[in-house]
Amino acid sequence: MTDVIRPDALPDLLRDELLATVSAATRLPTALLAARRLAGGASMESWSIDLRVGDVTEGLVLRRDMGANMSVYALDRATEFCVLQTACAAGVRAPQPRYLSAPGASRAWFLMERLAGESVGRKVVRAPDLAAARDKLARQLGEALAVIHRVPIASVVAAIPRPMDGRDPAEEALHQVRAVVASLNLHNPVWTYALRWLAARLPAWDDAVVLVHGDFRIGNLLVDRDGLSGVLDWEFAHLGDRHEDLAWVTVRDWRFEQDARVVGGVGSLEDYLAGYADAGGRPVDRAALVWWELLGNLRWAVICHTQADRHLSGADRSVELLSLGRKAAEMEWEIIDRIDMLEKEAR
């Protein structure tokens, strides 16, 4: 759902920055033809932009910092731009980054190509016209991750986060969740229980560091009638364990109430992992996948509270952000239910 607006509804300062940056990069006269603010997006402000650059019309999407960062672990726009360039050059199906804001911009932004497709999760998992796409989407998601996990990391290794102080990726993930919990100053018994349970069962790791997208899920993927058309939103990219990416899309909230379809509400785990293997992905440790799924539920529960706090603190006033706070209880129930099931299976 989008709110259609006139081009001059784009904030004046942003419009001037955008036109100056594109004109300087292309050495061509640039005009703004149309702009519309895109709904959704808790971490970035997004606009669909039509520009005339010289004699050519370009359809682009602008991603711009909001008033407060979603996470201290998120990349800045310049680094995200660099990661996206590297991923596209390696063959990842993603929008090509085009123009990056100049240093000193009011809020950092970049422009990327606008791809066709649907990204709203509830539409992806239910829309009748995407039924054929859903039949093959789980396999395509596995294939896409295999390509992402082969992206050469040498050109981005210095710019993006990686496990610190000798921690492996699972230990780093737990450290980050604990740090966010401490910053919220909340005492939640489910979080405490989950952290202890996960810390006592750290998965084995084969020391293979890969580029991890960091937020690979329905809602950050463009889907058209042929299936996956693009992987979006790279601000949480980092170096880590491939199982983190593989598990994130299986977190229950990303199924949008289509719980029988474990992979994002669109398909089966078997098809997903088959696609990953067929596209050259390394063998998957099923126990590690379960561990990272549980960690994903916990992480999302904590993030929901941080999002609500952005509204309550006044940093980013948004009913959408505030409403996310209530969703934490759903993840907490899932954590308890899943751990209980695993404990029974182990007896």
C-alpha atoms as a PDB file:
ATOM      1  CA  MET A   1       0.000   0.000   0.000  1.00  0.00           C
ATOM      2  CA  THR A   2       1.475   3.388  -0.907  1.00  0.00           C
ATOM      3  CA  ASP A   3       0.507   6.978  -0.417  1.00  0.00           C
ATOM      4  CA  VAL A   4       0.676   8.740  -3.799  1.00  0.00           C
ATOM      5  CA  ILE A   5       1.944  12.287  -3.513  1.00  0.00           C
ATOM      6  CA  ARG A   6       3.097  15.084  -5.804  1.00  0.00           C
ATOM      7  CA  PRO A   7       6.825  15.378  -6.575  1.00  0.00           C
ATOM      8  CA  ASP A   8       7.011  18.588  -4.595  1.00  0.00           C
ATOM      9  CA  ALA A   9       5.870  16.711  -1.481  1.00  0.00           C
ATOM     10  CA  LEU A  10       9.383  15.249  -1.300  1.00  0.00           C
ATOM     11  CA  PRO A  11      11.096  17.319   1.400  1.00  0.00           C
ATOM     12  CA  ASP A  12      12.776  20.294  -0.248  1.00  0.00           C
ATOM     13  CA  LEU A  13      16.210  19.594   1.198  1.00  0.00           C
ATOM     14  CA  LEU A  14      16.096  15.933   0.178  1.00  0.00           C
ATOM     15  CA  ARG A  15      14.904  16.835  -3.325  1.00  0.00           C
ATOM     16  CA  ASP A  16      17.731  19.324  -3.766  1.00  0.00           C
ATOM     17  CA  GLU A  17      20.339  16.843  -2.472  1.00  0.00           C
ATOM     18  CA  LEU A  18      19.028  14.107  -4.740  1.00  0.00           C
ATOM     19  CA  LEU A  19      19.042  16.217  -7.908  1.00  0.00           C
ATOM     20  CA  ALA A  20      22.474  17.675  -7.172  1.00  0.00           C
ATOM     21  CA  THR A  21      24.004  14.257  -6.455  1.00  0.00           C
ATOM     22  CA  VAL A  22      22.621  12.555  -9.567  1.00  0.00           C
ATOM     23  CA  SER A  23      23.472  15.490 -11.801  1.00  0.00           C
ATOM     24  CA  ALA A  24      27.040  15.567 -10.476  1.00  0.00           C
ATOM     25  CA  ALA A  25      27.457  11.804 -10.943  1.00  0.00           C
ATOM     26  CA  THR A  26      26.087  11.758 -14.505  1.00  0.00           C
ATOM     27  CA  ARG A  27      27.056  15.253 -15.679  1.00  0.00           C
ATOM     28  CA  LEU A  28      23.540  15.481 -17.107  1.00  0.00           C
ATOM     29  CA  PRO A  29      20.562  17.701 -16.289  1.00  0.00           C
ATOM     30  CA  THR A  30      18.277  15.888 -13.833  1.00  0.00           C
ATOM     31  CA  ALA A  31      14.602  16.463 -13.037  1.00  0.00           C
ATOM     32  CA  LEU A  32      12.250  14.874 -10.539  1.00  0.00           C
ATOM     33  CA  LEU A  33       9.170  13.500 -12.336  1.00  0.00           C
ATOM     34  CA  ALA A  34       7.366  11.646  -9.560  1.00  0.00           C
ATOM     35  CA  ALA A  35       7.792  10.512  -5.977  1.00  0.00           C
ATOM     36  CA  ARG A  36       5.738   8.491  -3.585  1.00  0.00           C
ATOM     37  CA  ARG A  37       6.462   7.538  -0.015  1.00  0.00           C
ATOM     38  CA  LEU A  38       6.413   3.762   0.415  1.00  0.00           C
ATOM     39  CA  ALA A  39       4.485   2.411   3.373  1.00  0.00           C
ATOM     40  CA  GLY A  40       6.103   0.090   5.906  1.00  0.00           C
ATOM     41  CA  GLY A  41       9.761  -0.175   6.710  1.00  0.00           C
ATOM     42  CA  ALA A  42      10.637   0.107  10.376  1.00  0.00           C
ATOM     43  CA  SER A  43      14.319   0.772   9.813  1.00  0.00           C
ATOM     44  CA  MET A  44      14.463   2.973   6.709  1.00  0.00           C
ATOM     45  CA  GLU A  45      12.459   5.711   5.037  1.00  0.00           C
ATOM     46  CA  SER A  46      11.704   4.588   1.476  1.00  0.00           C
ATOM     47  CA  TRP A  47      10.506   6.440  -1.607  1.00  0.00           C
ATOM     48  CA  SER A  48       9.715   5.371  -5.143  1.00  0.00           C
ATOM     49  CA  ILE A  49      11.351   7.951  -7.392  1.00  0.00           C
ATOM     50  CA  ASP A  50      11.085   8.684 -11.113  1.00  0.00           C
ATOM     51  CA  LEU A  51      13.887  10.833 -12.491  1.00  0.00           C
ATOM     52  CA  ARG A  52      14.654  12.191 -15.926  1.00  0.00           C
ATOM     53  CA  VAL A  53      18.426  12.055 -16.352  1.00  0.00           C
ATOM     54  CA  GLY A  54      19.345  13.674 -19.625  1.00  0.00           C
ATOM     55  CA  ASP A  55      16.883  12.110 -22.057  1.00  0.00           C
ATOM     56  CA  VAL A  56      16.350   8.913 -20.049  1.00  0.00           C
ATOM     57  CA  THR A  57      13.691   8.218 -17.417  1.00  0.00           C
ATOM     58  CA  GLU A  58      14.886   6.104 -14.499  1.00  0.00           C
ATOM     59  CA  GLY A  59      12.672   4.266 -12.002  1.00  0.00           C
ATOM     60  CA  LEU A  60      14.465   4.136  -8.657  1.00  0.00           C
ATOM     61  CA  VAL A  61      13.927   3.499  -4.969  1.00  0.00           C
ATOM     62  CA  LEU A  62      15.452   5.756  -2.337  1.00  0.00           C
ATOM     63  CA  ARG A  63      16.468   4.382   1.074  1.00  0.00           C
ATOM     64  CA  ARG A  64      17.113   7.012   3.714  1.00  0.00           C
ATOM     65  CA  ASP A  65      18.016   6.988   7.392  1.00  0.00           C
ATOM     66  CA  MET A  66      15.193   7.590   9.821  1.00  0.00           C
ATOM     67  CA  GLY A  67      15.489   9.681  12.968  1.00  0.00           C
ATOM     68  CA  ALA A  68      16.823   6.775  15.058  1.00  0.00           C
ATOM     69  CA  ASN A  69      18.590   3.589  14.057  1.00  0.00           C
ATOM     70  CA  MET A  70      16.741   0.314  14.432  1.00  0.00           C
ATOM     71  CA  SER A  71      19.896  -1.295  15.820  1.00  0.00           C
ATOM     72  CA  VAL A  72      23.429  -0.332  16.742  1.00  0.00           C
ATOM     73  CA  TYR A  73      24.498  -3.289  14.610  1.00  0.00           C
ATOM     74  CA  ALA A  74      22.949  -1.905  11.410  1.00  0.00           C
ATOM     75  CA  LEU A  75      25.190  -0.697   8.600  1.00  0.00           C
ATOM     76  CA  ASP A  76      25.307   2.928   7.536  1.00  0.00           C
ATOM     77  CA  ARG A  77      24.012   3.721   4.065  1.00  0.00           C
ATOM     78  CA  ALA A  78      27.459   4.027   2.456  1.00  0.00           C
ATOM     79  CA  THR A  79      28.455   0.588   3.702  1.00  0.00           C
ATOM     80  CA  GLU A  80      25.131  -0.950   2.689  1.00  0.00           C
ATOM     81  CA  PHE A  81      25.624   0.586  -0.771  1.00  0.00           C
ATOM     82  CA  CYS A  82      29.071  -1.065  -0.995  1.00  0.00           C
ATOM     83  CA  VAL A  83      27.737  -4.465   0.132  1.00  0.00           C
ATOM     84  CA  LEU A  84      24.914  -4.280  -2.402  1.00  0.00           C
ATOM     85  CA  GLN A  85      27.386  -3.441  -5.177  1.00  0.00           C
ATOM     86  CA  THR A  86      29.504  -6.452  -4.219  1.00  0.00           C
ATOM     87  CA  ALA A  87      26.496  -8.778  -4.023  1.00  0.00           C
ATOM     88  CA  CYS A  88      25.147  -7.708  -7.419  1.00  0.00           C
ATOM     89  CA  ALA A  89      28.576  -8.126  -9.015  1.00  0.00           C
ATOM     90  CA  ALA A  90      28.661 -11.687  -7.645  1.00  0.00           C
ATOM     91  CA  GLY A  91      25.352 -12.569  -9.283  1.00  0.00           C
ATOM     92  CA  VAL A  92      22.924 -12.084  -6.408  1.00  0.00           C
ATOM     93  CA  ARG A  93      19.418 -11.234  -7.600  1.00  0.00           C
ATOM     94  CA  ALA A  94      19.128  -7.784  -6.014  1.00  0.00           C
ATOM     95  CA  PRO A  95      18.520  -4.166  -7.085  1.00  0.00           C
ATOM     96  CA  GLN A  96      21.580  -2.467  -8.532  1.00  0.00           C
ATOM     97  CA  PRO A  97      22.712   0.468  -6.367  1.00  0.00           C
ATOM     98  CA  ARG A  98      22.950   3.643  -8.448  1.00  0.00           C
ATOM     99  CA  TYR A  99      23.643   6.833  -6.509  1.00  0.00           C
ATOM    100  CA  LEU A 100      24.930   7.499  -2.986  1.00  0.00           C
ATOM    101  CA  SER A 101      24.345  10.719  -1.060  1.00  0.00           C
ATOM    102  CA  ALA A 102      27.298  13.032  -0.616  1.00  0.00           C
ATOM    103  CA  PRO A 103      29.032  13.434   2.756  1.00  0.00           C
ATOM    104  CA  GLY A 104      27.192  15.987   4.846  1.00  0.00           C
ATOM    105  CA  ALA A 105      23.726  15.102   3.564  1.00  0.00           C
ATOM    106  CA  SER A 106      20.889  15.952   5.925  1.00  0.00           C
ATOM    107  CA  ARG A 107      20.345  12.204   6.404  1.00  0.00           C
ATOM    108  CA  ALA A 108      22.315   9.596   4.484  1.00  0.00           C
ATOM    109  CA  TRP A 109      20.540   7.914   1.566  1.00  0.00           C
ATOM    110  CA  PHE A 110      21.105   6.000  -1.626  1.00  0.00           C
ATOM    111  CA  LEU A 111      19.168   5.284  -4.794  1.00  0.00           C
ATOM    112  CA  MET A 112      18.871   1.809  -6.311  1.00  0.00           C
ATOM    113  CA  GLU A 113      17.027   0.428  -9.304  1.00  0.00           C
ATOM    114  CA  ARG A 114      13.331  -0.270  -8.867  1.00  0.00           C
ATOM    115  CA  LEU A 115      12.441  -3.913  -9.476  1.00  0.00           C
ATOM    116  CA  ALA A 116       8.979  -5.314 -10.129  1.00  0.00           C
ATOM    117  CA  GLY A 117       7.336  -7.517  -7.532  1.00  0.00           C
ATOM    118  CA  GLU A 118       5.468  -7.688  -4.240  1.00  0.00           C
ATOM    119  CA  SER A 119       7.244  -7.420  -0.894  1.00  0.00           C
ATOM    120  CA  VAL A 120       4.342  -7.169   1.569  1.00  0.00           C
ATOM    121  CA  GLY A 121       4.493 -10.458   3.453  1.00  0.00           C
ATOM    122  CA  ARG A 122       0.776 -11.078   3.872  1.00  0.00           C
ATOM    123  CA  LYS A 123       0.242 -10.579   0.138  1.00  0.00           C
ATOM    124  CA  VAL A 124       3.165 -12.818  -0.813  1.00  0.00           C
ATOM    125  CA  VAL A 125       1.794 -15.753   1.200  1.00  0.00           C
ATOM    126  CA  ARG A 126      -1.864 -15.327   0.176  1.00  0.00           C
ATOM    127  CA  ALA A 127      -2.330 -13.457  -3.120  1.00  0.00           C
ATOM    128  CA  PRO A 128      -4.054 -15.718  -5.692  1.00  0.00           C
ATOM    129  CA  ASP A 129      -1.959 -14.323  -8.536  1.00  0.00           C
ATOM    130  CA  LEU A 130       1.235 -15.447  -6.742  1.00  0.00           C
ATOM    131  CA  ALA A 131       0.088 -19.039  -6.176  1.00  0.00           C
ATOM    132  CA  ALA A 132       2.332 -20.426  -8.927  1.00  0.00           C
ATOM    133  CA  ALA A 133       5.252 -18.399  -7.609  1.00  0.00           C
ATOM    134  CA  ARG A 134       4.802 -19.835  -4.121  1.00  0.00           C
ATOM    135  CA  ASP A 135       5.080 -23.370  -5.510  1.00  0.00           C
ATOM    136  CA  LYS A 136       8.720 -22.740  -6.397  1.00  0.00           C
ATOM    137  CA  LEU A 137       9.632 -19.942  -4.022  1.00  0.00           C
ATOM    138  CA  ALA A 138      11.102 -22.016  -1.164  1.00  0.00           C
ATOM    139  CA  ARG A 139      13.554 -23.664  -3.547  1.00  0.00           C
ATOM    140  CA  GLN A 140      14.425 -20.287  -5.068  1.00  0.00           C
ATOM    141  CA  LEU A 141      15.121 -18.846  -1.622  1.00  0.00           C
ATOM    142  CA  GLY A 142      17.560 -21.672  -0.922  1.00  0.00           C
ATOM    143  CA  GLU A 143      19.249 -21.063  -4.259  1.00  0.00           C
ATOM    144  CA  ALA A 144      19.523 -17.329  -3.543  1.00  0.00           C
ATOM    145  CA  LEU A 145      21.180 -17.920  -0.183  1.00  0.00           C
ATOM    146  CA  ALA A 146      23.702 -20.277  -1.743  1.00  0.00           C
ATOM    147  CA  VAL A 147      24.728 -17.446  -4.086  1.00  0.00           C
ATOM    148  CA  ILE A 148      24.876 -14.901  -1.241  1.00  0.00           C
ATOM    149  CA  HIS A 149      27.057 -17.204   0.840  1.00  0.00           C
ATOM    150  CA  ARG A 150      29.570 -17.438  -2.027  1.00  0.00           C
ATOM    151  CA  VAL A 151      29.960 -13.665  -2.410  1.00  0.00           C
ATOM    152  CA  PRO A 152      33.674 -12.793  -2.175  1.00  0.00           C
ATOM    153  CA  ILE A 153      34.069 -10.974   1.094  1.00  0.00           C
ATOM    154  CA  ALA A 154      37.533  -9.471   0.561  1.00  0.00           C
ATOM    155  CA  SER A 155      36.156  -6.154  -0.709  1.00  0.00           C
ATOM    156  CA  VAL A 156      33.755  -5.673   2.224  1.00  0.00           C
ATOM    157  CA  VAL A 157      35.519  -7.477   5.069  1.00  0.00           C
ATOM    158  CA  ALA A 158      36.888  -4.290   6.619  1.00  0.00           C
ATOM    159  CA  ALA A 159      33.563  -2.459   6.443  1.00  0.00           C
ATOM    160  CA  ILE A 160      31.044  -4.874   7.935  1.00  0.00           C
ATOM    161  CA  PRO A 161      30.720  -6.501  11.379  1.00  0.00           C
ATOM    162  CA  ARG A 162      32.165  -9.876  12.241  1.00  0.00           C
ATOM    163  CA  PRO A 163      32.431 -11.871  15.504  1.00  0.00           C
ATOM    164  CA  MET A 164      34.608 -10.038  18.015  1.00  0.00           C
ATOM    165  CA  ASP A 165      37.080 -11.021  20.747  1.00  0.00           C
ATOM    166  CA  GLY A 166      37.491 -14.606  19.607  1.00  0.00           C
ATOM    167  CA  ARG A 167      33.765 -15.397  19.774  1.00  0.00           C
ATOM    168  CA  ASP A 168      32.246 -17.701  17.195  1.00  0.00           C
ATOM    169  CA  PRO A 169      29.089 -16.478  15.383  1.00  0.00           C
ATOM    170  CA  ALA A 170      26.653 -18.118  17.823  1.00  0.00           C
ATOM    171  CA  GLU A 171      28.461 -16.634  20.831  1.00  0.00           C
ATOM    172  CA  GLU A 172      28.510 -13.246  19.089  1.00  0.00           C
ATOM    173  CA  ALA A 173      24.768 -13.432  18.421  1.00  0.00           C
ATOM    174  CA  LEU A 174      24.028 -14.223  22.065  1.00  0.00           C
ATOM    175  CA  HIS A 175      26.334 -11.404  23.157  1.00  0.00           C
ATOM    176  CA  GLN A 176      24.449  -8.945  20.952  1.00  0.00           C
ATOM    177  CA  VAL A 177      21.031 -10.039  22.242  1.00  0.00           C
ATOM    178  CA  ARG A 178      22.233  -9.735  25.850  1.00  0.00           C
ATOM    179  CA  ALA A 179      23.562  -6.245  25.122  1.00  0.00           C
ATOM    180  CA  VAL A 180      20.226  -5.099  23.680  1.00  0.00           C
ATOM    181  CA  VAL A 181      18.316  -6.626  26.608  1.00  0.00           C
ATOM    182  CA  ALA A 182      20.601  -4.765  29.024  1.00  0.00           C
ATOM    183  CA  SER A 183      20.012  -1.496  27.173  1.00  0.00           C
ATOM    184  CA  LEU A 184      16.232  -1.933  27.539  1.00  0.00           C
ATOM    185  CA  ASN A 185      16.560  -2.524  31.269  1.00  0.00           C
ATOM    186  CA  LEU A 186      13.763  -5.096  31.136  1.00  0.00           C
ATOM    187  CA  HIS A 187      13.619  -8.232  33.274  1.00  0.00           C
ATOM    188  CA  ASN A 188      11.793 -10.832  31.229  1.00  0.00           C
ATOM    189  CA  PRO A 189      11.822 -14.430  32.533  1.00  0.00           C
ATOM    190  CA  VAL A 190      11.308 -15.966  29.079  1.00  0.00           C
ATOM    191  CA  TRP A 191      14.286 -14.070  27.699  1.00  0.00           C
ATOM    192  CA  THR A 192      16.436 -15.130  30.641  1.00  0.00           C
ATOM    193  CA  TYR A 193      15.377 -18.767  30.255  1.00  0.00           C
ATOM    194  CA  ALA A 194      15.973 -18.743  26.487  1.00  0.00           C
ATOM    195  CA  LEU A 195      19.410 -17.151  26.811  1.00  0.00           C
ATOM    196  CA  ARG A 196      20.492 -19.754  29.344  1.00  0.00           C
ATOM    197  CA  TRP A 197      19.084 -22.618  27.259  1.00  0.00           C
ATOM    198  CA  LEU A 198      20.792 -21.413  24.099  1.00  0.00           C
ATOM    199  CA  ALA A 199      24.105 -20.707  25.851  1.00  0.00           C
ATOM    200  CA  ALA A 200      24.184 -24.281  27.150  1.00  0.00           C
ATOM    201  CA  ARG A 201      23.668 -25.714  23.650  1.00  0.00           C
ATOM    202  CA  LEU A 202      25.874 -23.692  21.334  1.00  0.00           C
ATOM    203  CA  PRO A 203      25.970 -25.320  17.889  1.00  0.00           C
ATOM    204  CA  ALA A 204      29.109 -26.698  16.328  1.00  0.00           C
ATOM    205  CA  TRP A 205      30.732 -24.357  13.815  1.00  0.00           C
ATOM    206  CA  ASP A 206      33.055 -25.292  10.952  1.00  0.00           C
ATOM    207  CA  ASP A 207      34.966 -21.969  10.989  1.00  0.00           C
ATOM    208  CA  ALA A 208      33.575 -21.014   7.563  1.00  0.00           C
ATOM    209  CA  VAL A 209      32.819 -17.277   7.648  1.00  0.00           C
ATOM    210  CA  VAL A 210      30.479 -16.136   4.882  1.00  0.00           C
ATOM    211  CA  LEU A 211      28.608 -12.990   3.953  1.00  0.00           C
ATOM    212  CA  VAL A 212      25.333 -13.192   5.879  1.00  0.00           C
ATOM    213  CA  HIS A 213      22.444 -11.076   4.602  1.00  0.00           C
ATOM    214  CA  GLY A 214      21.190 -10.742   8.166  1.00  0.00           C
ATOM    215  CA  ASP A 215      17.474 -10.196   7.472  1.00  0.00           C
ATOM    216  CA  PHE A 216      16.599 -12.752   4.796  1.00  0.00           C
ATOM    217  CA  ARG A 217      12.859 -13.241   5.194  1.00  0.00           C
ATOM    218  CA  ILE A 218       9.495 -12.750   3.554  1.00  0.00           C
ATOM    219  CA  GLY A 219       8.957  -8.997   3.646  1.00  0.00           C
ATOM    220  CA  ASN A 220      12.500  -8.254   2.483  1.00  0.00           C
ATOM    221  CA  LEU A 221      12.126 -10.245  -0.724  1.00  0.00           C
ATOM    222  CA  LEU A 222      10.441  -9.107  -3.933  1.00  0.00           C
ATOM    223  CA  VAL A 223       8.192 -11.750  -5.490  1.00  0.00           C
ATOM    224  CA  ASP A 224       6.505 -11.658  -8.881  1.00  0.00           C
ATOM    225  CA  ARG A 225       4.639 -14.332 -10.843  1.00  0.00           C
ATOM    226  CA  ASP A 226       7.907 -16.067 -11.699  1.00  0.00           C
ATOM    227  CA  GLY A 227       8.975 -16.218  -8.057  1.00  0.00           C
ATOM    228  CA  LEU A 228      11.871 -14.365  -6.441  1.00  0.00           C
ATOM    229  CA  SER A 229      12.745 -11.164  -8.291  1.00  0.00           C
ATOM    230  CA  GLY A 230      15.063  -9.505  -5.784  1.00  0.00           C
ATOM    231  CA  VAL A 231      16.650  -9.578  -2.323  1.00  0.00           C
ATOM    232  CA  LEU A 232      16.195  -6.264  -0.505  1.00  0.00           C
ATOM    233  CA  ASP A 233      17.317  -4.508   2.693  1.00  0.00           C
ATOM    234  CA  TRP A 234      20.982  -5.316   3.295  1.00  0.00           C
ATOM    235  CA  GLU A 235      21.553  -3.075   6.319  1.00  0.00           C
ATOM    236  CA  PHE A 236      22.143  -6.035   8.654  1.00  0.00           C
ATOM    237  CA  ALA A 237      24.744  -7.762   6.476  1.00  0.00           C
ATOM    238  CA  HIS A 238      27.732  -9.129   8.375  1.00  0.00           C
ATOM    239  CA  LEU A 239      30.238 -11.963   8.401  1.00  0.00           C
ATOM    240  CA  GLY A 240      29.080 -15.079  10.185  1.00  0.00           C
ATOM    241  CA  ASP A 241      27.596 -18.568  10.032  1.00  0.00           C
ATOM    242  CA  ARG A 242      25.441 -19.470   7.018  1.00  0.00           C
ATOM    243  CA  HIS A 243      22.947 -21.238   9.338  1.00  0.00           C
ATOM    244  CA  GLU A 244      21.905 -17.837  10.721  1.00  0.00           C
ATOM    245  CA  ASP A 245      20.576 -16.783   7.296  1.00  0.00           C
ATOM    246  CA  LEU A 246      19.094 -20.192   6.574  1.00  0.00           C
ATOM    247  CA  ALA A 247      17.144 -20.227   9.842  1.00  0.00           C
ATOM    248  CA  TRP A 248      15.842 -16.644   9.915  1.00  0.00           C
ATOM    249  CA  VAL A 249      13.168 -17.169   7.245  1.00  0.00           C
ATOM    250  CA  THR A 250      11.803 -20.118   9.273  1.00  0.00           C
ATOM    251  CA  VAL A 251      11.051 -17.968  12.338  1.00  0.00           C
ATOM    252  CA  ARG A 252       7.323 -18.311  12.887  1.00  0.00           C
ATOM    253  CA  ASP A 253       6.379 -14.657  12.589  1.00  0.00           C
ATOM    254  CA  TRP A 254       7.661 -14.572   8.996  1.00  0.00           C
ATOM    255  CA  ARG A 255       5.095 -17.219   7.998  1.00  0.00           C
ATOM    256  CA  PHE A 256       2.253 -14.705   8.298  1.00  0.00           C
ATOM    257  CA  GLU A 257      -0.096 -17.273   9.860  1.00  0.00           C
ATOM    258  CA  GLN A 258       0.644 -19.911   7.190  1.00  0.00           C
ATOM    259  CA  ASP A 259       2.313 -22.035   9.865  1.00  0.00           C
ATOM    260  CA  ALA A 260       2.262 -25.341   7.962  1.00  0.00           C
ATOM    261  CA  ARG A 261       4.657 -23.812   5.415  1.00  0.00           C
ATOM    262  CA  VAL A 262       7.745 -23.594   7.557  1.00  0.00           C
ATOM    263  CA  VAL A 263       9.783 -21.514   5.111  1.00  0.00           C
ATOM    264  CA  GLY A 264       8.279 -18.050   5.180  1.00  0.00           C
ATOM    265  CA  GLY A 265       4.713 -19.285   4.879  1.00  0.00           C
ATOM    266  CA  VAL A 266       5.377 -20.312   1.267  1.00  0.00           C
ATOM    267  CA  GLY A 267       7.028 -23.747   1.235  1.00  0.00           C
ATOM    268  CA  SER A 268       8.700 -26.703   2.881  1.00  0.00           C
ATOM    269  CA  LEU A 269      12.063 -26.998   4.567  1.00  0.00           C
ATOM    270  CA  GLU A 270      12.928 -29.905   2.265  1.00  0.00           C
ATOM    271  CA  ASP A 271      12.454 -27.825  -0.905  1.00  0.00           C
ATOM    272  CA  TYR A 272      14.336 -24.911   0.643  1.00  0.00           C
ATOM    273  CA  LEU A 273      17.382 -26.967   1.637  1.00  0.00           C
ATOM    274  CA  ALA A 274      17.310 -28.855  -1.664  1.00  0.00           C
ATOM    275  CA  GLY A 275      17.517 -25.543  -3.500  1.00  0.00           C
ATOM    276  CA  TYR A 276      20.437 -24.486  -1.309  1.00  0.00           C
ATOM    277  CA  ALA A 277      22.321 -27.741  -1.960  1.00  0.00           C
ATOM    278  CA  ASP A 278      21.591 -27.804  -5.701  1.00  0.00           C
ATOM    279  CA  ALA A 279      22.935 -24.247  -6.044  1.00  0.00           C
ATOM    280  CA  GLY A 280      26.198 -25.223  -4.377  1.00  0.00           C
ATOM    281  CA  GLY A 281      25.452 -24.460  -0.728  1.00  0.00           C
ATOM    282  CA  ARG A 282      27.511 -26.373   1.803  1.00  0.00           C
ATOM    283  CA  PRO A 283      25.906 -29.202   3.840  1.00  0.00           C
ATOM    284  CA  VAL A 284      23.447 -27.959   6.465  1.00  0.00           C
ATOM    285  CA  ASP A 285      23.603 -29.006  10.124  1.00  0.00           C
ATOM    286  CA  ARG A 286      19.954 -29.548  11.111  1.00  0.00           C
ATOM    287  CA  ALA A 287      20.703 -29.122  14.831  1.00  0.00           C
ATOM    288  CA  ALA A 288      22.404 -25.791  14.144  1.00  0.00           C
ATOM    289  CA  LEU A 289      19.426 -24.748  12.047  1.00  0.00           C
ATOM    290  CA  VAL A 290      17.059 -25.368  14.991  1.00  0.00           C
ATOM    291  CA  TRP A 291      19.356 -23.461  17.369  1.00  0.00           C
ATOM    292  CA  TRP A 292      19.458 -20.436  15.066  1.00  0.00           C
ATOM    293  CA  GLU A 293      15.681 -20.578  14.587  1.00  0.00           C
ATOM    294  CA  LEU A 294      15.171 -20.368  18.349  1.00  0.00           C
ATOM    295  CA  LEU A 295      17.717 -17.571  18.582  1.00  0.00           C
ATOM    296  CA  GLY A 296      15.808 -15.820  15.781  1.00  0.00           C
ATOM    297  CA  ASN A 297      12.558 -15.935  17.748  1.00  0.00           C
ATOM    298  CA  LEU A 298      14.308 -14.488  20.788  1.00  0.00           C
ATOM    299  CA  ARG A 299      16.085 -11.824  18.771  1.00  0.00           C
ATOM    300  CA  TRP A 300      12.833 -10.730  17.110  1.00  0.00           C
ATOM    301  CA  ALA A 301      11.034 -10.568  20.472  1.00  0.00           C
ATOM    302  CA  VAL A 302      13.746  -8.260  21.797  1.00  0.00           C
ATOM    303  CA  ILE A 303      13.767  -6.167  18.608  1.00  0.00           C
ATOM    304  CA  CYS A 304      10.006  -5.661  18.908  1.00  0.00           C
ATOM    305  CA  HIS A 305      10.572  -4.043  22.284  1.00  0.00           C
ATOM    306  CA  THR A 306      13.361  -1.844  20.905  1.00  0.00           C
ATOM    307  CA  GLN A 307      11.036  -0.724  18.107  1.00  0.00           C
ATOM    308  CA  ALA A 308       8.289   0.235  20.550  1.00  0.00           C
ATOM    309  CA  ASP A 309      10.904   2.077  22.586  1.00  0.00           C
ATOM    310  CA  ARG A 310      11.762   4.225  19.566  1.00  0.00           C
ATOM    311  CA  HIS A 311       8.191   5.555  19.660  1.00  0.00           C
ATOM    312  CA  LEU A 312       7.961   5.830  23.442  1.00  0.00           C
ATOM    313  CA  SER A 313      11.275   7.696  23.639  1.00  0.00           C
ATOM    314  CA  GLY A 314      10.098  10.201  21.023  1.00  0.00           C
ATOM    315  CA  ALA A 315      12.949   9.349  18.632  1.00  0.00           C
ATOM    316  CA  ASP A 316      10.573   8.099  15.903  1.00  0.00           C
ATOM    317  CA  ARG A 317       6.885   8.678  16.552  1.00  0.00           C
ATOM    318  CA  SER A 318       4.997   5.842  14.862  1.00  0.00           C
ATOM    319  CA  VAL A 319       1.949   3.778  15.771  1.00  0.00           C
ATOM    320  CA  GLU A 320       3.457   0.990  13.657  1.00  0.00           C
ATOM    321  CA  LEU A 321       6.571   0.927  15.823  1.00  0.00           C
ATOM    322  CA  LEU A 322       4.495   1.058  18.988  1.00  0.00           C
ATOM    323  CA  SER A 323       2.332  -1.856  17.849  1.00  0.00           C
ATOM    324  CA  LEU A 324       5.375  -4.081  17.411  1.00  0.00           C
ATOM    325  CA  GLY A 325       5.883  -4.144  21.168  1.00  0.00           C
ATOM    326  CA  ARG A 326       2.855  -6.389  21.643  1.00  0.00           C
ATOM    327  CA  LYS A 327       4.208  -8.982  19.192  1.00  0.00           C
ATOM    328  CA  ALA A 328       7.002  -9.959  21.570  1.00  0.00           C
ATOM    329  CA  ALA A 329       4.555 -12.143  23.513  1.00  0.00           C
ATOM    330  CA  GLU A 330       3.913 -14.234  20.375  1.00  0.00           C
ATOM    331  CA  MET A 331       7.614 -15.005  19.978  1.00  0.00           C
ATOM    332  CA  GLU A 332       7.946 -15.726  23.683  1.00  0.00           C
ATOM    333  CA  TRP A 333       5.155 -18.304  23.442  1.00  0.00           C
ATOM    334  CA  GLU A 334       6.861 -19.850  20.412  1.00  0.00           C
ATOM    335  CA  ILE A 335      10.174 -20.067  22.291  1.00  0.00           C
ATOM    336  CA  ILE A 336       8.611 -21.865  25.254  1.00  0.00           C
ATOM    337  CA  ASP A 337       6.607 -24.190  23.023  1.00  0.00           C
ATOM    338  CA  ARG A 338       9.598 -25.100  20.812  1.00  0.00           C
ATOM    339  CA  ILE A 339      11.965 -25.699  23.719  1.00  0.00           C
ATOM    340  CA  ASP A 340       9.363 -27.843  25.458  1.00  0.00           C
ATOM    341  CA  MET A 341       8.962 -29.910  22.283  1.00  0.00           C
ATOM    342  CA  LEU A 342      12.736 -30.315  21.896  1.00  0.00           C
ATOM    343  CA  GLU A 343      13.134 -31.367  25.520  1.00  0.00           C
ATOM    344  CA  LYS A 344      10.415 -34.026  25.121  1.00  0.00           C
ATOM    345  CA  GLU A 345      12.058 -35.351  21.953  1.00  0.00           C
ATOM    346  CA  ALA A 346      15.387 -35.624  23.761  1.00  0.00           C
ATOM    347  CA  ARG A 347      13.978 -37.756  26.590  1.00  0.00           C
END
